Amino acid sequence: MVVAPRYAQYEGIEDTGVRVTLMGHAEVAYFHQQIRGVDFVFVDHPSYPRPGGLYADAHGVYGDNQFRFTLLCLAALEAPFFLPLPLPPQQLDPPRSPAQQSANGGPNGAHSEVGDVPSSKYGQDAVFIANDWHASLVPVYLAAKYRPHGVYRNARCILAIHNLRHQGVFSPSSFATLDLPPQWYGCLEWQYPPHQRQGSWAEEGRSVNHLKAGLTTADRIVTVSAGYAEEIQTYLGGWGMEGIIASRSPVLNGVVNGIDTDEWNPASDPHLPFNYDTTNFVEGKARCKMELQRELGLPVNEHIPLIAFIGRLDPQKGADILLAAAPGLLRHNNVQLVCLGSGNKDLEDGLRWLEGSFRDRARGWVGFNVPLSHRLTAAADILLMPSRFEPCGLNQLYAMRYGAVPVAHKTGGLRDTVIDFNPWNQSGTGWTYTSCDEQGLSHAIGLSLLTYHNHPDDFRKLQLRGMNREASWDQAAQQYEQIISWSVVDAPYCR
């Protein structure tokens, strides 16, 4: 079961008719859709749909985010008790195909008539995977509200961290709104060190930190790469939580994300002007490059290296480092640089300046454009990932899948997935650098261009190794299954 807020009027989901009152005053409804045998449950409440983003708009973060995601945690914990959901096709006796199940009333229809799909509730023996601070109160509620009353005694909770920088920090007085016993305040309390107290709610730097509470109560912790799991145990990547995380290192694991290999497949991608695979990628990428050059008004030449950057324009992603390195790169090399992204206004203006200053060599597309991101990845020879920190990173995985060689800062998931090229034993999938600045990025780009021009056969082999790299969710799913089995073997961390 996947539980998420109903942020919008999603197609294909149906009202289960179940209503539950939480926190003494908030009534939520549950909507459901079954896809490929997986139950997707959407929690409906007036606080979730917003005209802006999911967490913030142009005026800043929403003032009720703490309430919104506390409600989500409680709704997720109640769902296994209240929701009778149809059995997936593979669990029926005899098993049915999704088409047969749909013909018998659909996965959300009534089940009283003969021939309809039987339904059941998930029950108490569940393993919760709570994602980031938004769901980090799930293990807290398990230990504080459920287990003391004999409920969820066999349940476990795994806290998944995608970006430790975001921790869900609120004023100490907000604890009273969380519907937790008073003695659990210490679990959520976090005191910032003196040099970080400016602007905090209390003079002593005290606050309520949701992620800290999850880290101290979850049965296991998982991050999105082994490299990031190591970094968050140090002051360089721990964002103040390194001591707590290091103390829980025996139950900490890192699993690199997979990608949707159906959506990101150069052999069948509908966004590409020419599809290709490992047998014809040289011709395919050249044709995609020339078509993109025509589209963007750049000189059309398949032999000019096309370097791409795709990502959020934010200091975390190193967009400022790229803008600092770009003038030297474009003045001293016959290359083309195409950047796609949005975010910080100053960095957006930087892309516009770059294009205006190098009209025949650079393009800066400010905005989010999925089809263009596919076409740019297919056309690129080299993809830049200058992130200051990167828990996992997906663009380097997409790039390798499409035969674009990544150049990345050696951090987090990037150092796990981008293996430095070794010309002596013909191994590696790209280039990394450790000095996170303009010089480090420029040096790594120089190595990639040297190989592109002087050792084209080695560059083609690099591309081929990246395209052949296993990037699906299959391997990650097996690792998650192992972590889930470990969580069940161990006794609950908080009893």
Protein backbone atom coordinates (compact mmCIF):
# COMPACT_ATOMS: atom_id res chain seq x y z
CA MET A 1 0.00 0.00 0.00
CA VAL A 2 1.25 3.46 -0.94
CA VAL A 3 -0.30 6.33 1.08
CA ALA A 4 -0.04 9.92 -0.15
CA PRO A 5 -2.02 13.16 0.15
CA ARG A 6 -4.67 13.84 -2.48
CA TYR A 7 -3.10 17.04 -3.74
CA ALA A 8 -5.31 17.24 -6.84
CA GLN A 9 -8.27 15.62 -8.60
CA TYR A 10 -6.38 12.59 -9.89
CA GLU A 11 -7.92 10.53 -12.65
CA GLY A 12 -8.87 6.92 -12.03
CA ILE A 13 -9.15 7.05 -8.25
CA GLU A 14 -12.38 6.29 -6.45
CA ASP A 15 -13.80 7.21 -3.06
CA THR A 16 -13.73 4.25 -0.67
CA GLY A 17 -16.47 5.80 1.44
CA VAL A 18 -14.31 5.49 4.56
CA ARG A 19 -14.12 8.55 6.81
CA VAL A 20 -11.92 8.81 9.91
CA THR A 21 -11.63 11.68 12.40
CA LEU A 22 -8.06 12.31 13.53
CA MET A 23 -6.47 14.64 16.10
CA GLY A 24 -9.95 15.11 17.53
CA HIS A 25 -11.16 17.48 14.82
CA ALA A 26 -9.86 16.64 11.33
CA GLU A 27 -11.93 14.28 9.20
CA VAL A 28 -10.12 12.61 6.31
CA ALA A 29 -11.44 10.56 3.43
CA TYR A 30 -9.63 7.75 1.64
CA PHE A 31 -9.50 7.35 -2.12
CA HIS A 32 -8.07 4.29 -3.84
CA GLN A 33 -6.65 2.99 -7.08
CA GLN A 34 -4.98 -0.32 -7.78
CA ILE A 35 -2.21 -0.30 -10.41
CA ARG A 36 -0.39 -3.53 -11.34
CA GLY A 37 -1.54 -5.11 -8.11
CA VAL A 38 -0.31 -2.22 -5.92
CA ASP A 39 -2.79 -0.29 -3.77
CA PHE A 40 -2.46 3.49 -3.99
CA VAL A 41 -4.37 5.22 -1.19
CA PHE A 42 -4.88 8.99 -1.29
CA VAL A 43 -5.76 10.85 1.90
CA ASP A 44 -8.26 13.62 1.23
CA HIS A 45 -8.45 16.75 3.37
CA PRO A 46 -9.05 20.42 2.47
CA SER A 47 -5.50 21.33 3.56
CA TYR A 48 -3.77 19.36 0.79
CA PRO A 49 -4.82 20.94 -2.55
CA ARG A 50 -3.06 24.27 -3.09
CA PRO A 51 -2.73 26.56 -6.13
CA GLY A 52 1.05 26.74 -5.58
CA GLY A 53 3.52 23.89 -5.09
CA LEU A 54 3.12 20.91 -2.80
CA TYR A 55 4.98 22.48 0.11
CA ALA A 56 5.29 26.18 -0.74
CA ASP A 57 4.35 28.92 -3.17
CA ALA A 58 5.89 32.21 -4.24
CA HIS A 59 5.33 33.62 -0.74
CA GLY A 60 7.24 30.83 1.02
CA VAL A 61 6.45 27.55 2.76
CA TYR A 62 2.88 26.97 3.88
CA GLY A 63 2.24 27.85 7.50
CA ASP A 64 0.24 24.67 8.14
CA ASN A 65 2.74 22.13 6.77
CA GLN A 66 3.23 20.64 10.22
CA PHE A 67 -0.49 19.96 10.52
CA ARG A 68 -0.78 18.65 6.95
CA PHE A 69 1.91 16.01 7.34
CA THR A 70 1.12 15.09 10.91
CA LEU A 71 -2.37 14.33 9.61
CA LEU A 72 -0.85 12.23 6.84
CA CYS A 73 1.14 10.16 9.36
CA LEU A 74 -1.95 9.42 11.45
CA ALA A 75 -4.08 8.66 8.39
CA ALA A 76 -1.46 6.20 7.15
CA LEU A 77 -1.42 4.43 10.51
CA GLU A 78 -5.20 4.11 10.55
CA ALA A 79 -5.52 2.91 6.95
CA PRO A 80 -4.60 -0.76 7.60
CA PHE A 81 -7.46 -0.99 10.12
CA PHE A 82 -10.27 0.79 8.28
CA LEU A 83 -9.73 0.20 4.55
CA PRO A 84 -11.14 -2.98 2.98
CA LEU A 85 -9.19 -3.10 -0.28
CA PRO A 86 -9.65 -5.54 -3.17
CA LEU A 87 -7.16 -8.35 -3.37
CA PRO A 88 -4.66 -7.90 -6.20
CA PRO A 89 -5.11 -10.21 -9.18
CA GLN A 90 -2.08 -12.35 -8.33
CA GLN A 91 -3.51 -13.22 -4.89
CA LEU A 92 -6.87 -14.47 -6.12
CA ASP A 93 -7.63 -18.16 -6.35
CA PRO A 94 -7.43 -18.83 -9.21
CA PRO A 95 -5.25 -15.84 -10.15
CA ARG A 96 -6.83 -13.37 -12.54
CA SER A 97 -5.39 -10.89 -14.98
CA PRO A 98 -6.06 -7.17 -14.39
CA ALA A 99 -8.41 -7.24 -17.40
CA GLN A 100 -10.47 -10.05 -15.84
CA GLN A 101 -10.62 -8.22 -12.54
CA SER A 102 -11.83 -5.07 -14.25
CA ALA A 103 -14.53 -7.05 -16.05
CA ASN A 104 -15.77 -8.32 -12.69
CA GLY A 105 -16.56 -4.90 -11.31
CA GLY A 106 -13.14 -3.25 -11.15
CA PRO A 107 -10.78 -2.98 -8.24
CA ASN A 108 -12.88 -0.34 -6.50
CA GLY A 109 -16.36 -1.73 -6.99
CA ALA A 110 -18.68 -3.32 -4.43
CA HIS A 111 -17.91 -6.90 -3.50
CA SER A 112 -21.24 -8.21 -2.35
CA GLU A 113 -22.35 -9.83 -5.60
CA VAL A 114 -21.16 -13.23 -6.75
CA GLY A 115 -18.14 -12.98 -8.98
CA ASP A 116 -16.93 -9.72 -7.57
CA VAL A 117 -13.38 -9.33 -6.31
CA PRO A 118 -12.99 -10.21 -2.60
CA SER A 119 -11.48 -7.58 -0.32
CA SER A 120 -9.49 -7.59 2.90
CA LYS A 121 -7.77 -5.24 5.33
CA TYR A 122 -4.02 -5.09 5.73
CA GLY A 123 -4.14 -5.49 9.51
CA GLN A 124 -1.53 -4.89 12.19
CA ASP A 125 1.43 -6.95 10.98
CA ALA A 126 2.77 -4.22 8.72
CA VAL A 127 6.13 -2.70 7.84
CA PHE A 128 5.91 1.06 7.29
CA ILE A 129 8.43 2.89 5.13
CA ALA A 130 8.25 6.54 6.19
CA ASN A 131 9.74 8.99 3.70
CA ASP A 132 11.62 12.02 5.02
CA TRP A 133 10.41 14.43 7.69
CA HIS A 134 6.91 14.50 6.25
CA ALA A 135 6.28 10.94 7.47
CA SER A 136 8.86 10.76 10.25
CA LEU A 137 6.24 10.86 13.02
CA VAL A 138 5.01 7.40 11.98
CA PRO A 139 7.57 5.56 14.16
CA VAL A 140 6.92 8.05 16.97
CA TYR A 141 3.17 7.39 16.95
CA LEU A 142 3.78 3.64 16.76
CA ALA A 143 5.81 3.80 19.96
CA ALA A 144 3.82 6.49 21.81
CA LYS A 145 0.17 5.87 20.86
CA TYR A 146 -0.23 2.34 19.54
CA ARG A 147 2.17 -0.17 21.13
CA PRO A 148 1.39 0.91 24.74
CA HIS A 149 -2.20 -0.20 24.07
CA GLY A 150 -1.30 -3.54 22.49
CA VAL A 151 -1.71 -2.33 18.90
CA TYR A 152 0.92 -2.74 16.17
CA ARG A 153 3.15 -4.79 18.46
CA ASN A 154 4.58 -6.69 15.46
CA ALA A 155 4.75 -3.67 13.16
CA ARG A 156 8.04 -2.07 12.17
CA CYS A 157 8.99 1.25 10.62
CA ILE A 158 11.89 2.05 8.27
CA LEU A 159 12.74 5.74 7.87
CA ALA A 160 13.87 6.62 4.33
CA ILE A 161 15.97 9.78 3.97
CA HIS A 162 16.16 11.44 0.56
CA ASN A 163 17.60 14.79 1.67
CA LEU A 164 18.68 15.35 5.26
CA ARG A 165 18.74 19.10 4.75
CA HIS A 166 14.94 19.23 5.12
CA GLN A 167 14.04 18.24 8.68
CA GLY A 168 10.60 19.64 9.50
CA VAL A 169 11.57 22.14 12.21
CA PHE A 170 8.86 24.04 14.09
CA SER A 171 8.36 26.04 17.27
CA PRO A 172 8.46 24.21 20.64
CA SER A 173 4.89 25.29 21.38
CA SER A 174 3.65 23.32 18.36
CA PHE A 175 4.25 20.06 20.21
CA ALA A 176 0.87 20.53 21.92
CA THR A 177 -0.87 20.16 18.54
CA LEU A 178 0.65 16.75 17.72
CA ASP A 179 -1.64 14.66 19.94
CA LEU A 180 1.30 12.99 21.68
CA PRO A 181 1.70 12.22 25.41
CA PRO A 182 3.54 15.08 27.20
CA GLN A 183 6.47 12.86 28.18
CA TRP A 184 7.36 12.47 24.51
CA TYR A 185 8.37 16.10 24.10
CA GLY A 186 12.04 15.21 24.57
CA CYS A 187 11.86 12.88 21.59
CA LEU A 188 11.09 15.80 19.28
CA GLU A 189 13.01 18.58 21.01
CA TRP A 190 16.10 19.82 19.19
CA GLN A 191 18.44 22.54 20.41
CA TYR A 192 20.55 24.30 17.82
CA PRO A 193 24.17 25.15 18.70
CA PRO A 194 24.85 28.82 19.48
CA HIS A 195 26.12 29.76 16.01
CA GLN A 196 22.87 28.52 14.41
CA ARG A 197 20.33 30.12 16.77
CA GLN A 198 19.67 33.33 14.87
CA GLY A 199 15.99 33.43 13.95
CA SER A 200 15.05 30.40 16.05
CA TRP A 201 11.80 30.40 18.01
CA ALA A 202 13.33 30.30 21.47
CA GLU A 203 16.32 32.24 22.78
CA GLU A 204 18.06 28.97 23.68
CA GLY A 205 17.68 27.70 20.13
CA ARG A 206 15.09 25.08 21.02
CA SER A 207 12.66 23.67 18.48
CA VAL A 208 10.54 20.68 17.55
CA ASN A 209 12.32 18.61 14.90
CA HIS A 210 10.23 15.92 13.20
CA LEU A 211 13.12 14.19 11.42
CA LYS A 212 15.16 13.99 14.61
CA ALA A 213 12.21 12.22 16.26
CA GLY A 214 12.02 9.73 13.41
CA LEU A 215 15.76 9.04 13.52
CA THR A 216 15.58 8.21 17.22
CA THR A 217 12.52 5.93 17.03
CA ALA A 218 12.61 4.15 13.65
CA ASP A 219 13.53 0.48 13.60
CA ARG A 220 15.86 0.95 10.63
CA ILE A 221 17.10 3.86 8.51
CA VAL A 222 17.76 3.80 4.78
CA THR A 223 19.13 6.44 2.44
CA VAL A 224 19.27 6.61 -1.35
CA SER A 225 22.93 5.65 -1.75
CA ALA A 226 25.74 4.05 0.25
CA GLY A 227 27.87 7.14 -0.23
CA TYR A 228 25.20 9.40 1.22
CA ALA A 229 24.75 6.99 4.16
CA GLU A 230 28.41 7.57 4.99
CA GLU A 231 28.31 11.33 4.50
CA ILE A 232 25.35 11.98 6.80
CA GLN A 233 27.33 10.47 9.67
CA THR A 234 29.84 13.32 9.37
CA TYR A 235 29.60 17.06 10.03
CA LEU A 236 30.02 17.66 6.30
CA GLY A 237 26.71 16.03 5.44
CA GLY A 238 24.86 15.51 8.69
CA TRP A 239 23.15 18.92 8.97
CA GLY A 240 23.42 18.65 12.75
CA MET A 241 22.06 15.09 12.88
CA GLU A 242 25.42 13.34 12.37
CA GLY A 243 25.79 12.30 16.02
CA ILE A 244 22.34 10.71 16.16
CA ILE A 245 22.79 8.99 12.80
CA ALA A 246 26.26 7.70 13.65
CA SER A 247 24.86 6.19 16.85
CA ARG A 248 22.40 4.23 14.69
CA SER A 249 24.91 3.12 12.06
CA PRO A 250 24.27 -0.63 12.71
CA VAL A 251 20.76 -0.21 11.25
CA LEU A 252 21.67 2.31 8.53
CA ASN A 253 21.80 1.24 4.87
CA GLY A 254 22.11 2.99 1.52
CA VAL A 255 20.31 1.80 -1.61
CA VAL A 256 20.80 3.57 -4.94
CA ASN A 257 17.54 4.48 -6.65
CA GLY A 258 16.52 2.82 -9.87
CA ILE A 259 14.92 4.53 -12.85
CA ASP A 260 11.88 3.77 -14.98
CA THR A 261 13.59 1.95 -17.84
CA ASP A 262 10.40 2.04 -19.90
CA GLU A 263 10.07 5.82 -19.74
CA TRP A 264 13.81 6.36 -20.12
CA ASN A 265 14.61 4.07 -23.03
CA PRO A 266 16.33 5.56 -26.10
CA ALA A 267 15.10 2.66 -28.21
CA SER A 268 11.44 3.60 -27.72
CA ASP A 269 11.41 7.15 -26.33
CA PRO A 270 8.60 9.03 -28.13
CA HIS A 271 10.28 12.39 -27.47
CA LEU A 272 13.33 11.59 -29.61
CA PRO A 273 13.59 12.39 -33.32
CA PHE A 274 15.53 9.16 -33.79
CA ASN A 275 15.50 6.10 -31.57
CA TYR A 276 18.63 4.07 -30.99
CA ASP A 277 20.13 1.33 -28.84
CA THR A 278 23.58 -0.10 -28.16
CA THR A 279 23.90 -1.35 -31.74
CA ASN A 280 23.50 2.03 -33.45
CA PHE A 281 23.98 4.64 -30.71
CA VAL A 282 26.77 6.47 -32.54
CA GLU A 283 24.50 7.23 -35.49
CA GLY A 284 21.45 7.75 -33.28
CA LYS A 285 23.05 10.25 -30.93
CA ALA A 286 24.57 12.16 -33.86
CA ARG A 287 21.16 12.55 -35.48
CA CYS A 288 19.57 13.58 -32.17
CA LYS A 289 22.36 16.12 -31.65
CA MET A 290 21.99 17.71 -35.07
CA GLU A 291 18.22 17.91 -34.70
CA LEU A 292 18.56 19.63 -31.31
CA GLN A 293 21.15 22.02 -32.73
CA ARG A 294 18.67 23.02 -35.43
CA GLU A 295 15.88 23.38 -32.87
CA LEU A 296 17.95 25.66 -30.64
CA GLY A 297 19.56 27.66 -33.43
CA LEU A 298 23.09 26.42 -32.79
CA PRO A 299 25.60 25.63 -35.56
CA VAL A 300 24.74 22.16 -36.85
CA ASN A 301 27.82 19.95 -36.58
CA GLU A 302 27.78 16.41 -35.22
CA HIS A 303 31.51 16.57 -34.43
CA ILE A 304 31.23 19.46 -31.94
CA PRO A 305 30.97 18.08 -28.37
CA LEU A 306 27.59 18.96 -26.87
CA ILE A 307 27.73 19.41 -23.10
CA ALA A 308 24.47 19.49 -21.12
CA PHE A 309 23.29 20.52 -17.67
CA ILE A 310 19.79 19.55 -16.55
CA GLY A 311 18.63 20.32 -13.05
CA ARG A 312 17.29 22.69 -10.45
CA LEU A 313 19.04 26.05 -10.44
CA ASP A 314 20.09 25.95 -6.83
CA PRO A 315 23.42 26.15 -4.97
CA GLN A 316 23.01 22.50 -3.95
CA LYS A 317 23.09 21.50 -7.62
CA GLY A 318 26.20 23.60 -8.25
CA ALA A 319 24.61 25.76 -10.92
CA ASP A 320 26.67 28.73 -9.72
CA ILE A 321 29.86 26.69 -10.10
CA LEU A 322 28.86 25.81 -13.66
CA LEU A 323 28.20 29.47 -14.50
CA ALA A 324 31.62 30.40 -13.12
CA ALA A 325 33.36 27.73 -15.21
CA ALA A 326 31.32 28.23 -18.41
CA PRO A 327 33.04 31.36 -19.85
CA GLY A 328 36.48 29.77 -19.79
CA LEU A 329 35.10 26.53 -21.15
CA LEU A 330 33.41 28.26 -24.08
CA ARG A 331 36.26 30.65 -24.89
CA HIS A 332 38.99 28.02 -25.02
CA ASN A 333 37.17 24.99 -26.45
CA ASN A 334 35.09 24.37 -29.54
CA VAL A 335 32.08 23.05 -27.65
CA GLN A 336 28.39 23.75 -27.24
CA LEU A 337 26.78 24.08 -23.81
CA VAL A 338 23.02 23.69 -23.29
CA CYS A 339 21.49 24.19 -19.84
CA LEU A 340 17.92 23.38 -18.81
CA GLY A 341 16.48 24.26 -15.42
CA SER A 342 14.63 26.66 -13.16
CA GLY A 343 14.88 27.84 -9.58
CA ASN A 344 16.92 30.65 -8.06
CA LYS A 345 16.20 33.87 -9.95
CA ASP A 346 19.83 34.99 -9.94
CA LEU A 347 20.88 31.70 -11.48
CA GLU A 348 18.07 31.89 -14.03
CA ASP A 349 19.38 35.31 -15.01
CA GLY A 350 22.83 33.74 -15.19
CA LEU A 351 21.63 31.31 -17.85
CA ARG A 352 20.17 34.19 -19.83
CA TRP A 353 23.47 36.08 -19.56
CA LEU A 354 25.39 32.99 -20.69
CA GLU A 355 23.28 32.60 -23.81
CA GLY A 356 23.48 36.29 -24.61
CA SER A 357 27.26 36.31 -24.23
CA PHE A 358 27.93 33.19 -26.30
CA ARG A 359 25.19 33.18 -28.92
CA ASP A 360 26.83 30.58 -31.17
CA ARG A 361 27.88 28.20 -28.41
CA ALA A 362 25.48 28.34 -25.45
CA ARG A 363 21.77 28.05 -24.78
CA GLY A 364 19.99 28.51 -21.46
CA TRP A 365 16.42 27.22 -21.28
CA VAL A 366 14.77 28.54 -18.11
CA GLY A 367 11.86 26.31 -17.15
CA PHE A 368 10.82 22.70 -16.72
CA ASN A 369 10.31 20.83 -19.96
CA VAL A 370 10.13 17.02 -19.90
CA PRO A 371 10.28 16.38 -23.67
CA LEU A 372 13.27 18.72 -24.01
CA SER A 373 15.05 17.00 -21.13
CA HIS A 374 14.76 13.69 -23.01
CA ARG A 375 15.95 15.21 -26.29
CA LEU A 376 18.84 16.99 -24.59
CA THR A 377 19.96 13.84 -22.79
CA ALA A 378 19.92 11.92 -26.08
CA ALA A 379 21.80 14.67 -27.93
CA ALA A 380 24.46 15.29 -25.28
CA ASP A 381 27.93 13.77 -25.38
CA ILE A 382 28.69 14.89 -21.81
CA LEU A 383 26.34 15.66 -18.91
CA LEU A 384 27.48 17.83 -15.99
CA MET A 385 26.53 17.13 -12.37
CA PRO A 386 28.42 19.71 -10.26
CA SER A 387 26.26 19.21 -7.14
CA ARG A 388 27.74 20.28 -3.83
CA PHE A 389 25.92 17.34 -2.25
CA GLU A 390 23.72 14.78 -3.94
CA PRO A 391 21.93 12.06 -1.94
CA CYS A 392 21.43 9.93 -5.06
CA GLY A 393 20.93 11.84 -8.29
CA LEU A 394 18.92 10.60 -11.25
CA ASN A 395 20.17 12.65 -14.18
CA GLN A 396 23.48 10.80 -14.28
CA LEU A 397 21.52 7.53 -14.50
CA TYR A 398 19.38 8.87 -17.33
CA ALA A 399 22.51 10.17 -19.07
CA MET A 400 24.32 6.84 -18.98
CA ARG A 401 21.21 5.08 -20.21
CA TYR A 402 21.21 7.43 -23.23
CA GLY A 403 24.94 7.27 -23.91
CA ALA A 404 25.86 10.67 -22.42
CA VAL A 405 29.00 10.44 -20.29
CA PRO A 406 28.60 12.09 -16.84
CA VAL A 407 31.11 14.49 -15.29
CA ALA A 408 30.21 14.79 -11.60
CA HIS A 409 31.39 16.01 -8.22
CA LYS A 410 32.42 12.97 -6.19
CA THR A 411 29.74 13.12 -3.53
CA GLY A 412 26.85 10.99 -2.26
CA GLY A 413 25.16 8.89 -4.89
CA LEU A 414 27.29 10.38 -7.65
CA ARG A 415 30.42 8.66 -6.36
CA ASP A 416 28.50 5.38 -6.17
CA THR A 417 27.20 5.53 -9.73
CA VAL A 418 29.80 7.49 -11.73
CA ILE A 419 32.97 5.38 -11.78
CA ASP A 420 36.13 7.17 -12.93
CA PHE A 421 37.42 6.20 -16.35
CA ASN A 422 40.58 4.08 -16.24
CA PRO A 423 42.20 3.95 -19.69
CA TRP A 424 44.58 1.16 -18.71
CA ASN A 425 41.96 -1.48 -17.96
CA GLN A 426 39.12 0.17 -19.91
CA SER A 427 36.76 0.53 -16.95
CA GLY A 428 34.59 3.31 -15.61
CA THR A 429 31.53 5.23 -16.75
CA GLY A 430 32.60 8.89 -16.49
CA TRP A 431 34.74 11.39 -14.61
CA THR A 432 34.49 12.73 -11.07
CA TYR A 433 36.34 15.44 -9.15
CA THR A 434 36.77 16.13 -5.45
CA SER A 435 37.50 19.87 -5.43
CA CYS A 436 33.99 21.31 -5.53
CA ASP A 437 34.79 24.54 -7.31
CA GLU A 438 35.29 26.06 -10.75
CA GLN A 439 38.79 24.60 -11.12
CA GLY A 440 37.74 21.07 -10.18
CA LEU A 441 34.84 21.09 -12.63
CA SER A 442 36.95 22.60 -15.43
CA HIS A 443 39.68 20.00 -14.96
CA ALA A 444 37.21 17.09 -15.15
CA ILE A 445 35.57 18.56 -18.26
CA GLY A 446 39.04 18.93 -19.79
CA LEU A 447 39.74 15.22 -19.25
CA SER A 448 36.45 14.28 -20.89
CA LEU A 449 37.11 16.52 -23.91
CA LEU A 450 40.66 15.17 -24.23
CA THR A 451 39.28 11.64 -24.43
CA TYR A 452 36.49 12.72 -26.82
CA HIS A 453 38.93 14.29 -29.30
CA ASN A 454 42.09 12.20 -28.94
CA HIS A 455 40.72 8.78 -27.99
CA PRO A 456 37.30 8.50 -29.66
CA ASP A 457 37.25 4.70 -29.41
CA ASP A 458 37.71 4.89 -25.64
CA PHE A 459 34.94 7.49 -25.44
CA ARG A 460 32.57 5.22 -27.40
CA LYS A 461 33.37 2.35 -25.02
CA LEU A 462 32.59 4.65 -22.10
CA GLN A 463 29.22 5.43 -23.62
CA LEU A 464 28.52 1.76 -24.23
CA ARG A 465 29.38 0.77 -20.65
CA GLY A 466 26.98 3.40 -19.37
CA MET A 467 24.19 2.19 -21.66
CA ASN A 468 24.72 -1.40 -20.54
CA ARG A 469 24.74 -0.51 -16.85
CA GLU A 470 21.88 -2.05 -14.84
CA ALA A 471 19.72 0.91 -13.81
CA SER A 472 16.26 -0.60 -13.22
CA TRP A 473 14.52 -0.88 -9.87
CA ASP A 474 15.02 -4.66 -9.79
CA GLN A 475 18.32 -4.58 -7.91
CA ALA A 476 17.16 -1.82 -5.56
CA ALA A 477 13.94 -3.75 -4.82
CA GLN A 478 15.93 -6.82 -3.79
CA GLN A 479 17.99 -4.72 -1.38
CA TYR A 480 14.85 -3.17 0.09
CA GLU A 481 13.35 -6.63 0.59
CA GLN A 482 16.46 -7.64 2.51
CA ILE A 483 16.25 -4.53 4.71
CA ILE A 484 12.56 -5.20 5.39
CA SER A 485 13.35 -8.78 6.42
CA TRP A 486 16.05 -7.52 8.80
CA SER A 487 13.59 -5.10 10.39
CA VAL A 488 11.13 -7.91 11.10
CA VAL A 489 13.79 -10.20 12.58
CA ASP A 490 14.87 -7.58 15.13
CA ALA A 491 12.66 -6.59 18.05
CA PRO A 492 10.99 -3.14 17.82
CA TYR A 493 13.51 -0.42 18.60
CA CYS A 494 10.98 1.45 20.79
CA ARG A 495 8.66 -0.74 22.83
